[in-house]
Amino acid sequence: MFTGLIEEIGKVTGITSIPGGKRIKIKASKVLEDLAVDHSIAVLGVCLTVVQVDDTGFTVEAVGETLKKSSLANLKNNTLVNLERALRPSNRLGGHLVQGHVNGLGVVSQLDKRGEYWYLEIKLPSVLTRYVIPEGSIAIDGVSLTIAHLHNNRAGFSVIPYTFKNTIISNYRIGQKVNIEIDFLARYVEKFIADKNLSGKDETFSQQWFKKLGF
């Protein structure tokens, strides 16, 4: 689990093919502090497992399904990537709960400076638009952002200077594909409502209802 608050911008320094996927070497410094083999780390918002660590960086492996659903398939040497280590139970939750499971690819449609802030607009996959609302949370390449404007399948965000400077948002170009992870709670609510409609039962959030679910 992650927070969507980027700790460091890393750089891809090597990509090799492995059976069913790719091994990716990333140059980093800050996240190496307590990073170890088998730890989880979010790379561009994708939860990956560390397979090697040295003094200059770490190596992760991405399997075929992960490459298919995310922008990791397009990584090249010298590509900059957002990095975040897994959340500790004792950490402050400054962003929102992010799983590191990419739901789809969005496209950067606008990036303009507006005073001290930047306005970022992302074209979302139509299949994901039902899960987002104005002032709701969403992760873009692992960055926790609040939706300021929503029109059809275009979501707009006000990006503060710190976030712009300390993530790869400053390198975005129009037409660039980005990893999208919606708030997973929205999907749970959708399934609950769908199951309730299918059952035809008028169940409410009562003490008996929670006991039935095992709480």
N, C-alpha and C. Protein backbone atom coordinates (compact mmCIF):
# COMPACT_ATOMS: atom_id res chain seq x y z
N MET A 1 0.84 -1.19 0.00
CA MET A 1 0.00 0.00 0.00
C MET A 1 0.88 1.25 0.00
N PHE A 2 0.41 2.31 -0.69
CA PHE A 2 1.18 3.54 -0.83
C PHE A 2 0.28 4.74 -0.54
N THR A 3 0.89 5.93 -0.52
CA THR A 3 0.13 7.14 -0.23
C THR A 3 -0.04 8.05 -1.43
N GLY A 4 0.75 7.84 -2.49
CA GLY A 4 0.69 8.73 -3.64
C GLY A 4 1.54 9.97 -3.46
N LEU A 5 2.39 10.00 -2.42
CA LEU A 5 3.33 11.10 -2.20
C LEU A 5 4.71 10.64 -2.65
N ILE A 6 5.19 11.19 -3.75
CA ILE A 6 6.43 10.74 -4.36
C ILE A 6 7.63 11.13 -3.51
N GLU A 7 8.52 10.17 -3.28
CA GLU A 7 9.70 10.40 -2.46
C GLU A 7 10.90 10.86 -3.28
N GLU A 8 10.96 10.41 -4.52
CA GLU A 8 12.15 10.67 -5.32
C GLU A 8 11.87 10.41 -6.79
N ILE A 9 12.59 11.11 -7.64
CA ILE A 9 12.56 10.82 -9.08
C ILE A 9 13.78 9.97 -9.41
N GLY A 10 13.55 8.77 -9.89
CA GLY A 10 14.65 7.88 -10.28
C GLY A 10 14.87 7.91 -11.78
N LYS A 11 15.92 7.22 -12.21
CA LYS A 11 16.24 7.17 -13.64
C LYS A 11 16.51 5.73 -14.04
N VAL A 12 15.87 5.31 -15.13
CA VAL A 12 16.09 3.96 -15.66
C VAL A 12 17.49 3.88 -16.27
N THR A 13 18.28 2.92 -15.83
CA THR A 13 19.65 2.78 -16.33
C THR A 13 19.89 1.46 -17.06
N GLY A 14 18.90 0.59 -17.05
CA GLY A 14 19.06 -0.67 -17.76
C GLY A 14 17.77 -1.45 -17.85
N ILE A 15 17.51 -2.05 -19.00
CA ILE A 15 16.32 -2.87 -19.21
C ILE A 15 16.75 -4.15 -19.93
N THR A 16 16.44 -5.28 -19.35
CA THR A 16 16.76 -6.56 -19.97
C THR A 16 15.51 -7.43 -20.02
N SER A 17 15.41 -8.22 -21.05
CA SER A 17 14.26 -9.12 -21.19
C SER A 17 14.48 -10.38 -20.35
N ILE A 18 13.41 -10.81 -19.71
CA ILE A 18 13.41 -12.07 -18.97
C ILE A 18 12.19 -12.86 -19.43
N PRO A 19 12.14 -14.15 -19.16
CA PRO A 19 10.97 -14.93 -19.59
C PRO A 19 9.68 -14.33 -19.04
N GLY A 20 8.81 -13.87 -19.92
CA GLY A 20 7.52 -13.34 -19.54
C GLY A 20 7.51 -11.91 -19.04
N GLY A 21 8.63 -11.19 -19.20
CA GLY A 21 8.64 -9.81 -18.71
C GLY A 21 9.94 -9.08 -18.93
N LYS A 22 10.19 -8.10 -18.08
CA LYS A 22 11.41 -7.29 -18.17
C LYS A 22 12.00 -7.07 -16.79
N ARG A 23 13.33 -6.98 -16.76
CA ARG A 23 14.04 -6.59 -15.54
C ARG A 23 14.51 -5.16 -15.72
N ILE A 24 14.19 -4.32 -14.75
CA ILE A 24 14.43 -2.88 -14.89
C ILE A 24 15.35 -2.39 -13.78
N LYS A 25 16.46 -1.79 -14.16
CA LYS A 25 17.42 -1.22 -13.21
C LYS A 25 17.15 0.28 -13.10
N ILE A 26 17.06 0.77 -11.87
CA ILE A 26 16.72 2.18 -11.64
C ILE A 26 17.75 2.82 -10.71
N LYS A 27 18.28 3.94 -11.14
CA LYS A 27 19.21 4.70 -10.31
C LYS A 27 18.42 5.54 -9.32
N ALA A 28 18.80 5.48 -8.05
CA ALA A 28 18.10 6.22 -7.00
C ALA A 28 19.04 6.41 -5.82
N SER A 29 18.59 7.21 -4.85
CA SER A 29 19.42 7.42 -3.65
C SER A 29 18.56 7.42 -2.39
N LYS A 30 17.57 8.31 -2.32
CA LYS A 30 16.77 8.45 -1.10
C LYS A 30 16.04 7.18 -0.72
N VAL A 31 15.42 6.52 -1.69
CA VAL A 31 14.62 5.33 -1.38
C VAL A 31 15.47 4.12 -1.01
N LEU A 32 16.79 4.22 -1.19
CA LEU A 32 17.68 3.11 -0.87
C LEU A 32 17.91 2.97 0.63
N GLU A 33 17.51 3.98 1.38
CA GLU A 33 17.82 4.05 2.81
C GLU A 33 17.52 2.76 3.56
N ASP A 34 16.36 2.19 3.34
CA ASP A 34 16.00 0.94 4.02
C ASP A 34 15.40 -0.08 3.04
N LEU A 35 15.72 0.08 1.77
CA LEU A 35 15.16 -0.81 0.75
C LEU A 35 15.91 -2.13 0.74
N ALA A 36 15.19 -3.22 0.57
CA ALA A 36 15.80 -4.55 0.55
C ALA A 36 15.10 -5.43 -0.45
N VAL A 37 15.74 -6.52 -0.79
CA VAL A 37 15.15 -7.50 -1.71
C VAL A 37 13.83 -8.00 -1.13
N ASP A 38 12.84 -8.16 -1.99
CA ASP A 38 11.48 -8.60 -1.67
C ASP A 38 10.59 -7.47 -1.18
N HIS A 39 11.15 -6.24 -1.00
CA HIS A 39 10.31 -5.11 -0.64
C HIS A 39 9.49 -4.66 -1.85
N SER A 40 8.36 -4.03 -1.58
CA SER A 40 7.54 -3.46 -2.65
C SER A 40 7.89 -1.99 -2.82
N ILE A 41 7.89 -1.53 -4.07
CA ILE A 41 8.12 -0.13 -4.37
C ILE A 41 7.26 0.26 -5.56
N ALA A 42 6.73 1.47 -5.53
CA ALA A 42 5.90 1.95 -6.64
C ALA A 42 6.77 2.69 -7.63
N VAL A 43 6.76 2.22 -8.87
CA VAL A 43 7.49 2.85 -9.97
C VAL A 43 6.46 3.36 -10.96
N LEU A 44 6.34 4.69 -11.09
CA LEU A 44 5.28 5.29 -11.91
C LEU A 44 3.90 4.79 -11.47
N GLY A 45 3.77 4.57 -10.16
CA GLY A 45 2.49 4.13 -9.63
C GLY A 45 2.21 2.66 -9.75
N VAL A 46 3.18 1.88 -10.21
CA VAL A 46 3.01 0.44 -10.36
C VAL A 46 3.76 -0.27 -9.24
N CYS A 47 3.08 -1.08 -8.46
CA CYS A 47 3.72 -1.81 -7.37
C CYS A 47 4.56 -2.95 -7.94
N LEU A 48 5.87 -2.89 -7.66
CA LEU A 48 6.80 -3.90 -8.14
C LEU A 48 7.63 -4.43 -6.98
N THR A 49 8.18 -5.62 -7.15
CA THR A 49 9.00 -6.23 -6.12
C THR A 49 10.48 -6.05 -6.43
N VAL A 50 11.23 -5.61 -5.43
CA VAL A 50 12.67 -5.40 -5.58
C VAL A 50 13.38 -6.75 -5.60
N VAL A 51 14.23 -6.97 -6.61
CA VAL A 51 14.97 -8.23 -6.71
C VAL A 51 16.46 -8.03 -6.48
N GLN A 52 16.91 -6.77 -6.48
CA GLN A 52 18.34 -6.52 -6.24
C GLN A 52 18.51 -5.07 -5.80
N VAL A 53 19.46 -4.83 -4.88
CA VAL A 53 19.77 -3.49 -4.40
C VAL A 53 21.28 -3.33 -4.32
N ASP A 54 21.79 -2.19 -4.78
CA ASP A 54 23.21 -1.88 -4.61
C ASP A 54 23.36 -0.42 -4.21
N ASP A 55 24.58 0.09 -4.21
CA ASP A 55 24.85 1.44 -3.73
C ASP A 55 24.30 2.53 -4.65
N THR A 56 23.99 2.19 -5.89
CA THR A 56 23.55 3.22 -6.84
C THR A 56 22.08 3.13 -7.21
N GLY A 57 21.42 2.04 -6.85
CA GLY A 57 20.03 1.89 -7.22
C GLY A 57 19.48 0.52 -6.90
N PHE A 58 18.43 0.15 -7.59
CA PHE A 58 17.77 -1.13 -7.34
C PHE A 58 17.22 -1.69 -8.64
N THR A 59 16.86 -2.96 -8.60
CA THR A 59 16.32 -3.64 -9.78
C THR A 59 14.97 -4.26 -9.43
N VAL A 60 14.03 -4.12 -10.35
CA VAL A 60 12.70 -4.73 -10.19
C VAL A 60 12.38 -5.54 -11.43
N GLU A 61 11.38 -6.37 -11.31
CA GLU A 61 10.93 -7.15 -12.46
C GLU A 61 9.45 -6.89 -12.70
N ALA A 62 9.09 -6.71 -13.97
CA ALA A 62 7.70 -6.49 -14.36
C ALA A 62 7.28 -7.62 -15.29
N VAL A 63 6.20 -8.28 -14.93
CA VAL A 63 5.74 -9.42 -15.72
C VAL A 63 4.85 -8.94 -16.88
N GLY A 64 4.49 -9.86 -17.74
CA GLY A 64 3.77 -9.52 -18.96
C GLY A 64 2.47 -8.77 -18.74
N GLU A 65 1.66 -9.19 -17.76
CA GLU A 65 0.37 -8.55 -17.51
C GLU A 65 0.56 -7.12 -17.04
N THR A 66 1.58 -6.89 -16.21
CA THR A 66 1.89 -5.54 -15.73
C THR A 66 2.31 -4.65 -16.89
N LEU A 67 3.14 -5.17 -17.76
CA LEU A 67 3.59 -4.41 -18.93
C LEU A 67 2.43 -4.09 -19.86
N LYS A 68 1.49 -5.01 -19.95
CA LYS A 68 0.35 -4.83 -20.84
C LYS A 68 -0.57 -3.71 -20.35
N LYS A 69 -0.74 -3.58 -19.04
CA LYS A 69 -1.70 -2.64 -18.47
C LYS A 69 -1.13 -1.27 -18.15
N SER A 70 0.19 -1.13 -18.18
CA SER A 70 0.82 0.12 -17.74
C SER A 70 1.77 0.67 -18.79
N SER A 71 2.35 1.84 -18.46
CA SER A 71 3.30 2.47 -19.38
C SER A 71 4.71 1.91 -19.21
N LEU A 72 4.91 0.95 -18.33
CA LEU A 72 6.24 0.38 -18.13
C LEU A 72 6.77 -0.29 -19.39
N ALA A 73 5.86 -0.71 -20.24
CA ALA A 73 6.28 -1.35 -21.50
C ALA A 73 7.05 -0.38 -22.38
N ASN A 74 6.85 0.93 -22.17
CA ASN A 74 7.49 1.94 -23.02
C ASN A 74 8.75 2.53 -22.39
N LEU A 75 9.18 2.01 -21.25
CA LEU A 75 10.38 2.54 -20.60
C LEU A 75 11.62 2.35 -21.46
N LYS A 76 12.50 3.34 -21.38
CA LYS A 76 13.79 3.28 -22.06
C LYS A 76 14.87 3.75 -21.11
N ASN A 77 16.11 3.54 -21.46
CA ASN A 77 17.21 4.05 -20.65
C ASN A 77 17.10 5.56 -20.53
N ASN A 78 17.35 6.06 -19.34
CA ASN A 78 17.31 7.50 -19.00
C ASN A 78 15.90 8.04 -18.79
N THR A 79 14.88 7.19 -18.89
CA THR A 79 13.53 7.62 -18.56
C THR A 79 13.44 7.94 -17.07
N LEU A 80 12.83 9.08 -16.74
CA LEU A 80 12.64 9.45 -15.33
C LEU A 80 11.35 8.84 -14.81
N VAL A 81 11.39 8.36 -13.57
CA VAL A 81 10.22 7.66 -13.00
C VAL A 81 9.97 8.13 -11.57
N ASN A 82 8.70 8.24 -11.20
CA ASN A 82 8.31 8.53 -9.82
C ASN A 82 8.53 7.30 -8.95
N LEU A 83 9.05 7.51 -7.75
CA LEU A 83 9.33 6.40 -6.83
C LEU A 83 8.69 6.66 -5.47
N GLU A 84 8.11 5.61 -4.90
CA GLU A 84 7.61 5.68 -3.53
C GLU A 84 7.73 4.31 -2.88
N ARG A 85 8.34 4.26 -1.70
CA ARG A 85 8.39 3.02 -0.95
C ARG A 85 7.03 2.72 -0.32
N ALA A 86 6.84 1.46 0.04
CA ALA A 86 5.57 1.05 0.63
C ALA A 86 5.32 1.77 1.95
N LEU A 87 4.06 1.99 2.25
CA LEU A 87 3.63 2.71 3.44
C LEU A 87 3.88 1.88 4.70
N ARG A 88 4.46 2.53 5.72
CA ARG A 88 4.56 1.92 7.04
C ARG A 88 3.26 2.21 7.81
N PRO A 89 2.83 1.30 8.69
CA PRO A 89 1.60 1.56 9.48
C PRO A 89 1.70 2.82 10.33
N SER A 90 2.93 3.23 10.67
CA SER A 90 3.11 4.38 11.55
C SER A 90 3.21 5.70 10.79
N ASN A 91 3.24 5.64 9.44
CA ASN A 91 3.37 6.87 8.65
C ASN A 91 2.09 7.68 8.63
N ARG A 92 2.26 8.99 8.45
CA ARG A 92 1.08 9.84 8.21
C ARG A 92 0.57 9.59 6.79
N LEU A 93 -0.73 9.52 6.65
CA LEU A 93 -1.32 9.30 5.34
C LEU A 93 -1.64 10.66 4.71
N GLY A 94 -0.64 11.24 4.04
CA GLY A 94 -0.80 12.58 3.51
C GLY A 94 -1.54 12.64 2.19
N GLY A 95 -1.54 11.57 1.41
CA GLY A 95 -2.25 11.55 0.13
C GLY A 95 -3.56 10.79 0.29
N HIS A 96 -3.67 9.64 -0.40
CA HIS A 96 -4.78 8.73 -0.18
C HIS A 96 -4.26 7.32 -0.37
N LEU A 97 -5.04 6.33 0.02
CA LEU A 97 -4.57 4.95 -0.08
C LEU A 97 -4.46 4.53 -1.54
N VAL A 98 -3.24 4.17 -1.94
CA VAL A 98 -2.93 3.77 -3.31
C VAL A 98 -2.38 2.35 -3.28
N GLN A 99 -2.93 1.48 -4.10
CA GLN A 99 -2.52 0.08 -4.10
C GLN A 99 -1.33 -0.20 -5.01
N GLY A 100 -1.13 0.63 -6.01
CA GLY A 100 -0.09 0.34 -6.99
C GLY A 100 -0.57 -0.60 -8.08
N HIS A 101 -1.89 -0.68 -8.23
CA HIS A 101 -2.49 -1.53 -9.26
C HIS A 101 -3.11 -0.63 -10.33
N VAL A 102 -2.48 -0.56 -11.47
CA VAL A 102 -2.92 0.35 -12.53
C VAL A 102 -4.22 -0.15 -13.16
N ASN A 103 -5.19 0.76 -13.28
CA ASN A 103 -6.49 0.40 -13.86
C ASN A 103 -6.59 0.72 -15.34
N GLY A 104 -5.69 1.56 -15.84
CA GLY A 104 -5.73 1.92 -17.25
C GLY A 104 -4.74 3.01 -17.56
N LEU A 105 -4.65 3.37 -18.83
CA LEU A 105 -3.74 4.41 -19.30
C LEU A 105 -4.52 5.66 -19.70
N GLY A 106 -4.12 6.80 -19.17
CA GLY A 106 -4.70 8.07 -19.57
C GLY A 106 -3.76 8.80 -20.51
N VAL A 107 -4.20 9.94 -21.01
CA VAL A 107 -3.39 10.72 -21.95
C VAL A 107 -3.37 12.18 -21.50
N VAL A 108 -2.17 12.76 -21.43
CA VAL A 108 -2.05 14.17 -21.07
C VAL A 108 -2.62 15.02 -22.20
N SER A 109 -3.63 15.84 -21.88
CA SER A 109 -4.27 16.66 -22.91
C SER A 109 -4.00 18.15 -22.71
N GLN A 110 -3.53 18.55 -21.52
CA GLN A 110 -3.25 19.96 -21.28
C GLN A 110 -2.31 20.10 -20.08
N LEU A 111 -1.37 21.03 -20.17
CA LEU A 111 -0.47 21.36 -19.07
C LEU A 111 -0.08 22.82 -19.21
N ASP A 112 -0.69 23.68 -18.39
CA ASP A 112 -0.48 25.13 -18.48
C ASP A 112 -0.11 25.69 -17.12
N LYS A 113 0.75 26.70 -17.11
CA LYS A 113 1.08 27.42 -15.88
C LYS A 113 0.04 28.49 -15.64
N ARG A 114 -0.50 28.49 -14.44
CA ARG A 114 -1.52 29.47 -14.08
C ARG A 114 -1.12 30.11 -12.75
N GLY A 115 -0.44 31.25 -12.84
CA GLY A 115 0.09 31.90 -11.64
C GLY A 115 1.19 31.05 -11.05
N GLU A 116 1.06 30.74 -9.78
CA GLU A 116 2.06 29.91 -9.11
C GLU A 116 1.80 28.42 -9.30
N TYR A 117 0.64 28.10 -9.82
CA TYR A 117 0.25 26.70 -9.97
C TYR A 117 0.29 26.27 -11.43
N TRP A 118 0.13 24.95 -11.63
CA TRP A 118 0.04 24.39 -12.97
C TRP A 118 -1.30 23.67 -13.09
N TYR A 119 -1.91 23.80 -14.27
CA TYR A 119 -3.15 23.09 -14.53
C TYR A 119 -2.85 21.90 -15.43
N LEU A 120 -3.16 20.71 -14.94
CA LEU A 120 -2.93 19.47 -15.68
C LEU A 120 -4.28 18.85 -16.01
N GLU A 121 -4.45 18.48 -17.27
CA GLU A 121 -5.68 17.80 -17.69
C GLU A 121 -5.33 16.45 -18.30
N ILE A 122 -6.04 15.44 -17.85
CA ILE A 122 -5.81 14.07 -18.31
C ILE A 122 -7.09 13.52 -18.94
N LYS A 123 -6.96 12.95 -20.11
CA LYS A 123 -8.07 12.25 -20.75
C LYS A 123 -8.10 10.83 -20.21
N LEU A 124 -9.16 10.48 -19.51
CA LEU A 124 -9.27 9.18 -18.88
C LEU A 124 -9.90 8.15 -19.80
N PRO A 125 -9.57 6.88 -19.61
CA PRO A 125 -10.29 5.84 -20.36
C PRO A 125 -11.77 5.90 -19.99
N SER A 126 -12.63 5.80 -20.97
CA SER A 126 -14.06 5.94 -20.72
C SER A 126 -14.58 4.94 -19.70
N VAL A 127 -13.97 3.77 -19.63
CA VAL A 127 -14.42 2.73 -18.71
C VAL A 127 -14.18 3.12 -17.25
N LEU A 128 -13.31 4.10 -17.01
CA LEU A 128 -12.98 4.49 -15.64
C LEU A 128 -13.71 5.74 -15.17
N THR A 129 -14.38 6.44 -16.06
CA THR A 129 -14.97 7.73 -15.69
C THR A 129 -16.07 7.59 -14.63
N ARG A 130 -16.74 6.46 -14.57
CA ARG A 130 -17.81 6.31 -13.58
C ARG A 130 -17.27 6.21 -12.15
N TYR A 131 -15.96 6.03 -12.00
CA TYR A 131 -15.37 5.89 -10.67
C TYR A 131 -14.80 7.20 -10.13
N VAL A 132 -14.85 8.28 -10.90
CA VAL A 132 -14.23 9.53 -10.46
C VAL A 132 -15.28 10.62 -10.27
N ILE A 133 -15.01 11.50 -9.30
CA ILE A 133 -15.92 12.61 -9.00
C ILE A 133 -15.09 13.86 -8.72
N PRO A 134 -15.67 15.04 -8.91
CA PRO A 134 -14.96 16.27 -8.55
C PRO A 134 -14.57 16.24 -7.07
N GLU A 135 -13.35 16.66 -6.79
CA GLU A 135 -12.77 16.67 -5.46
C GLU A 135 -12.45 15.27 -4.94
N GLY A 136 -12.59 14.27 -5.80
CA GLY A 136 -12.18 12.92 -5.43
C GLY A 136 -10.69 12.73 -5.68
N SER A 137 -10.15 11.62 -5.21
CA SER A 137 -8.73 11.33 -5.35
C SER A 137 -8.47 10.35 -6.49
N ILE A 138 -7.31 10.50 -7.11
CA ILE A 138 -6.89 9.61 -8.18
C ILE A 138 -5.36 9.64 -8.22
N ALA A 139 -4.75 8.56 -8.65
CA ALA A 139 -3.29 8.51 -8.75
C ALA A 139 -2.88 8.55 -10.22
N ILE A 140 -2.03 9.51 -10.56
CA ILE A 140 -1.50 9.65 -11.91
C ILE A 140 0.00 9.34 -11.86
N ASP A 141 0.42 8.25 -12.48
CA ASP A 141 1.83 7.82 -12.40
C ASP A 141 2.28 7.74 -10.94
N GLY A 142 1.35 7.34 -10.07
CA GLY A 142 1.68 7.17 -8.66
C GLY A 142 1.53 8.42 -7.82
N VAL A 143 1.18 9.56 -8.43
CA VAL A 143 1.03 10.82 -7.70
C VAL A 143 -0.42 11.00 -7.27
N SER A 144 -0.64 11.17 -5.97
CA SER A 144 -1.99 11.40 -5.47
C SER A 144 -2.42 12.82 -5.81
N LEU A 145 -3.51 12.94 -6.59
CA LEU A 145 -4.02 14.25 -6.99
C LEU A 145 -5.52 14.33 -6.73
N THR A 146 -5.98 15.55 -6.49
CA THR A 146 -7.41 15.80 -6.28
C THR A 146 -8.01 16.36 -7.55
N ILE A 147 -9.12 15.81 -7.98
CA ILE A 147 -9.78 16.25 -9.21
C ILE A 147 -10.45 17.59 -8.96
N ALA A 148 -9.96 18.62 -9.65
CA ALA A 148 -10.52 19.98 -9.51
C ALA A 148 -11.69 20.19 -10.46
N HIS A 149 -11.59 19.63 -11.66
CA HIS A 149 -12.64 19.78 -12.67
C HIS A 149 -12.83 18.44 -13.37
N LEU A 150 -14.06 18.17 -13.73
CA LEU A 150 -14.36 16.93 -14.44
C LEU A 150 -15.42 17.21 -15.49
N HIS A 151 -15.07 16.95 -16.75
CA HIS A 151 -16.02 17.14 -17.85
C HIS A 151 -15.91 15.95 -18.79
N ASN A 152 -16.99 15.17 -18.84
CA ASN A 152 -16.99 13.93 -19.62
C ASN A 152 -15.83 13.05 -19.16
N ASN A 153 -14.88 12.75 -20.04
CA ASN A 153 -13.77 11.89 -19.64
C ASN A 153 -12.46 12.66 -19.43
N ARG A 154 -12.56 13.97 -19.21
CA ARG A 154 -11.37 14.79 -18.98
C ARG A 154 -11.36 15.29 -17.54
N ALA A 155 -10.29 14.95 -16.83
CA ALA A 155 -10.15 15.37 -15.44
C ALA A 155 -9.04 16.42 -15.34
N GLY A 156 -9.33 17.50 -14.63
CA GLY A 156 -8.38 18.58 -14.47
C GLY A 156 -7.87 18.67 -13.04
N PHE A 157 -6.58 19.00 -12.89
CA PHE A 157 -5.94 19.05 -11.58
C PHE A 157 -5.14 20.34 -11.43
N SER A 158 -5.16 20.93 -10.24
CA SER A 158 -4.29 22.04 -9.91
C SER A 158 -3.06 21.47 -9.21
N VAL A 159 -1.91 21.63 -9.82
CA VAL A 159 -0.67 21.04 -9.30
C VAL A 159 0.15 22.12 -8.62
N ILE A 160 0.45 21.93 -7.34
CA ILE A 160 1.22 22.93 -6.60
C ILE A 160 2.68 22.86 -7.06
N PRO A 161 3.44 23.97 -6.87
CA PRO A 161 4.84 24.01 -7.32
C PRO A 161 5.70 22.87 -6.79
N TYR A 162 5.51 22.49 -5.53
CA TYR A 162 6.33 21.41 -4.95
C TYR A 162 6.11 20.10 -5.71
N THR A 163 4.85 19.75 -5.94
CA THR A 163 4.54 18.52 -6.67
C THR A 163 5.06 18.58 -8.10
N PHE A 164 4.92 19.73 -8.74
CA PHE A 164 5.40 19.90 -10.11
C PHE A 164 6.91 19.68 -10.18
N LYS A 165 7.62 20.19 -9.21
CA LYS A 165 9.08 20.13 -9.22
C LYS A 165 9.60 18.76 -8.80
N ASN A 166 8.92 18.09 -7.90
CA ASN A 166 9.43 16.86 -7.31
C ASN A 166 8.81 15.58 -7.85
N THR A 167 8.12 15.69 -8.98
CA THR A 167 7.61 14.51 -9.69
C THR A 167 7.91 14.70 -11.18
N ILE A 168 7.60 13.69 -11.97
CA ILE A 168 7.87 13.80 -13.41
C ILE A 168 6.80 14.58 -14.15
N ILE A 169 5.83 15.14 -13.42
CA ILE A 169 4.81 15.97 -14.08
C ILE A 169 5.46 17.11 -14.85
N SER A 170 6.57 17.63 -14.34
CA SER A 170 7.26 18.73 -15.03
C SER A 170 7.80 18.33 -16.39
N ASN A 171 7.89 17.02 -16.65
CA ASN A 171 8.39 16.53 -17.94
C ASN A 171 7.28 16.05 -18.87
N TYR A 172 6.03 16.18 -18.43
CA TYR A 172 4.93 15.70 -19.25
C TYR A 172 4.84 16.48 -20.57
N ARG A 173 4.42 15.77 -21.60
CA ARG A 173 4.18 16.35 -22.91
C ARG A 173 2.77 15.99 -23.36
N ILE A 174 2.16 16.86 -24.15
CA ILE A 174 0.81 16.59 -24.64
C ILE A 174 0.82 15.29 -25.45
N GLY A 175 -0.14 14.43 -25.16
CA GLY A 175 -0.22 13.14 -25.84
C GLY A 175 0.48 12.01 -25.12
N GLN A 176 1.21 12.34 -24.06
CA GLN A 176 1.93 11.31 -23.30
C GLN A 176 0.97 10.43 -22.53
N LYS A 177 1.24 9.13 -22.50
CA LYS A 177 0.41 8.19 -21.76
C LYS A 177 0.87 8.11 -20.31
N VAL A 178 -0.09 8.04 -19.40
CA VAL A 178 0.21 7.98 -17.97
C VAL A 178 -0.61 6.88 -17.32
N ASN A 179 -0.06 6.32 -16.24
CA ASN A 179 -0.75 5.27 -15.50
C ASN A 179 -1.84 5.86 -14.62
N ILE A 180 -3.01 5.24 -14.64
CA ILE A 180 -4.15 5.71 -13.87
C ILE A 180 -4.55 4.65 -12.85
N GLU A 181 -4.68 5.07 -11.58
CA GLU A 181 -5.28 4.20 -10.57
C GLU A 181 -6.39 4.97 -9.88
N ILE A 182 -7.59 4.50 -10.00
CA ILE A 182 -8.73 5.15 -9.35
C ILE A 182 -8.77 4.75 -7.88
N ASP A 183 -9.56 5.47 -7.10
CA ASP A 183 -9.77 5.15 -5.69
C ASP A 183 -10.48 3.79 -5.62
N PHE A 184 -9.81 2.79 -5.03
CA PHE A 184 -10.37 1.43 -5.05
C PHE A 184 -11.68 1.32 -4.27
N LEU A 185 -11.94 2.25 -3.35
CA LEU A 185 -13.20 2.20 -2.59
C LEU A 185 -14.41 2.33 -3.51
N ALA A 186 -14.24 3.10 -4.61
CA ALA A 186 -15.34 3.28 -5.55
C ALA A 186 -15.73 1.95 -6.18
N ARG A 187 -14.76 1.10 -6.42
CA ARG A 187 -15.06 -0.19 -7.04
C ARG A 187 -15.75 -1.13 -6.06
N TYR A 188 -15.37 -1.04 -4.79
CA TYR A 188 -16.04 -1.85 -3.78
C TYR A 188 -17.51 -1.44 -3.64
N VAL A 189 -17.76 -0.13 -3.64
CA VAL A 189 -19.13 0.36 -3.54
C VAL A 189 -19.95 -0.11 -4.73
N GLU A 190 -19.35 -0.05 -5.94
CA GLU A 190 -20.06 -0.48 -7.15
C GLU A 190 -20.44 -1.96 -7.05
N LYS A 191 -19.50 -2.78 -6.57
CA LYS A 191 -19.79 -4.21 -6.47
C LYS A 191 -20.86 -4.48 -5.41
N PHE A 192 -20.78 -3.76 -4.30
CA PHE A 192 -21.79 -3.95 -3.26
C PHE A 192 -23.18 -3.65 -3.79
N ILE A 193 -23.31 -2.54 -4.51
CA ILE A 193 -24.61 -2.15 -5.05
C ILE A 193 -25.09 -3.16 -6.08
N ALA A 194 -24.15 -3.63 -6.93
CA ALA A 194 -24.51 -4.62 -7.96
C ALA A 194 -24.98 -5.91 -7.31
N ASP A 195 -24.28 -6.38 -6.28
CA ASP A 195 -24.67 -7.62 -5.60
C ASP A 195 -26.01 -7.46 -4.91
N LYS A 196 -26.23 -6.27 -4.35
CA LYS A 196 -27.49 -6.01 -3.66
C LYS A 196 -28.65 -6.03 -4.65
N ASN A 197 -28.44 -5.43 -5.82
CA ASN A 197 -29.48 -5.40 -6.84
C ASN A 197 -29.79 -6.79 -7.37
N LEU A 198 -28.74 -7.62 -7.50
CA LEU A 198 -28.94 -8.97 -8.00
C LEU A 198 -29.68 -9.84 -6.99
N SER A 199 -29.38 -9.61 -5.71
CA SER A 199 -30.01 -10.44 -4.68
C SER A 199 -31.48 -10.07 -4.47
N GLY A 200 -31.81 -8.80 -4.78
CA GLY A 200 -33.17 -8.34 -4.58
C GLY A 200 -33.54 -8.10 -3.14
N LYS A 201 -32.53 -8.17 -2.25
CA LYS A 201 -32.79 -7.98 -0.83
C LYS A 201 -32.50 -6.54 -0.43
N ASP A 202 -33.33 -6.01 0.42
CA ASP A 202 -33.19 -4.62 0.88
C ASP A 202 -32.38 -4.61 2.17
N GLU A 203 -31.08 -4.96 2.07
CA GLU A 203 -30.22 -5.00 3.24
C GLU A 203 -29.66 -3.61 3.53
N THR A 204 -29.55 -3.28 4.79
CA THR A 204 -29.00 -1.98 5.18
C THR A 204 -27.77 -2.19 6.05
N PHE A 205 -27.04 -1.10 6.32
CA PHE A 205 -25.83 -1.18 7.13
C PHE A 205 -26.20 -1.29 8.61
N SER A 206 -26.77 -2.42 9.00
CA SER A 206 -27.19 -2.65 10.38
C SER A 206 -26.16 -3.52 11.09
N GLN A 207 -26.32 -3.68 12.42
CA GLN A 207 -25.44 -4.54 13.19
C GLN A 207 -25.53 -5.98 12.70
N GLN A 208 -26.73 -6.40 12.35
CA GLN A 208 -26.91 -7.77 11.85
C GLN A 208 -26.23 -7.97 10.50
N TRP A 209 -26.25 -6.90 9.68
CA TRP A 209 -25.63 -6.98 8.35
C TRP A 209 -24.12 -7.17 8.49
N PHE A 210 -23.50 -6.41 9.42
CA PHE A 210 -22.06 -6.55 9.63
C PHE A 210 -21.70 -7.91 10.21
N LYS A 211 -22.54 -8.43 11.12
CA LYS A 211 -22.27 -9.75 11.68
C LYS A 211 -22.35 -10.84 10.60
N LYS A 212 -23.26 -10.64 9.67
CA LYS A 212 -23.40 -11.59 8.58
C LYS A 212 -22.17 -11.65 7.71
N LEU A 213 -21.48 -10.50 7.58
CA LEU A 213 -20.26 -10.44 6.78
C LEU A 213 -19.03 -10.87 7.57
N GLY A 214 -19.21 -11.20 8.85
CA GLY A 214 -18.10 -11.72 9.63
C GLY A 214 -17.40 -10.70 10.51
N PHE A 215 -17.97 -9.50 10.65
CA PHE A 215 -17.34 -8.48 11.48
C PHE A 215 -17.75 -8.64 12.95
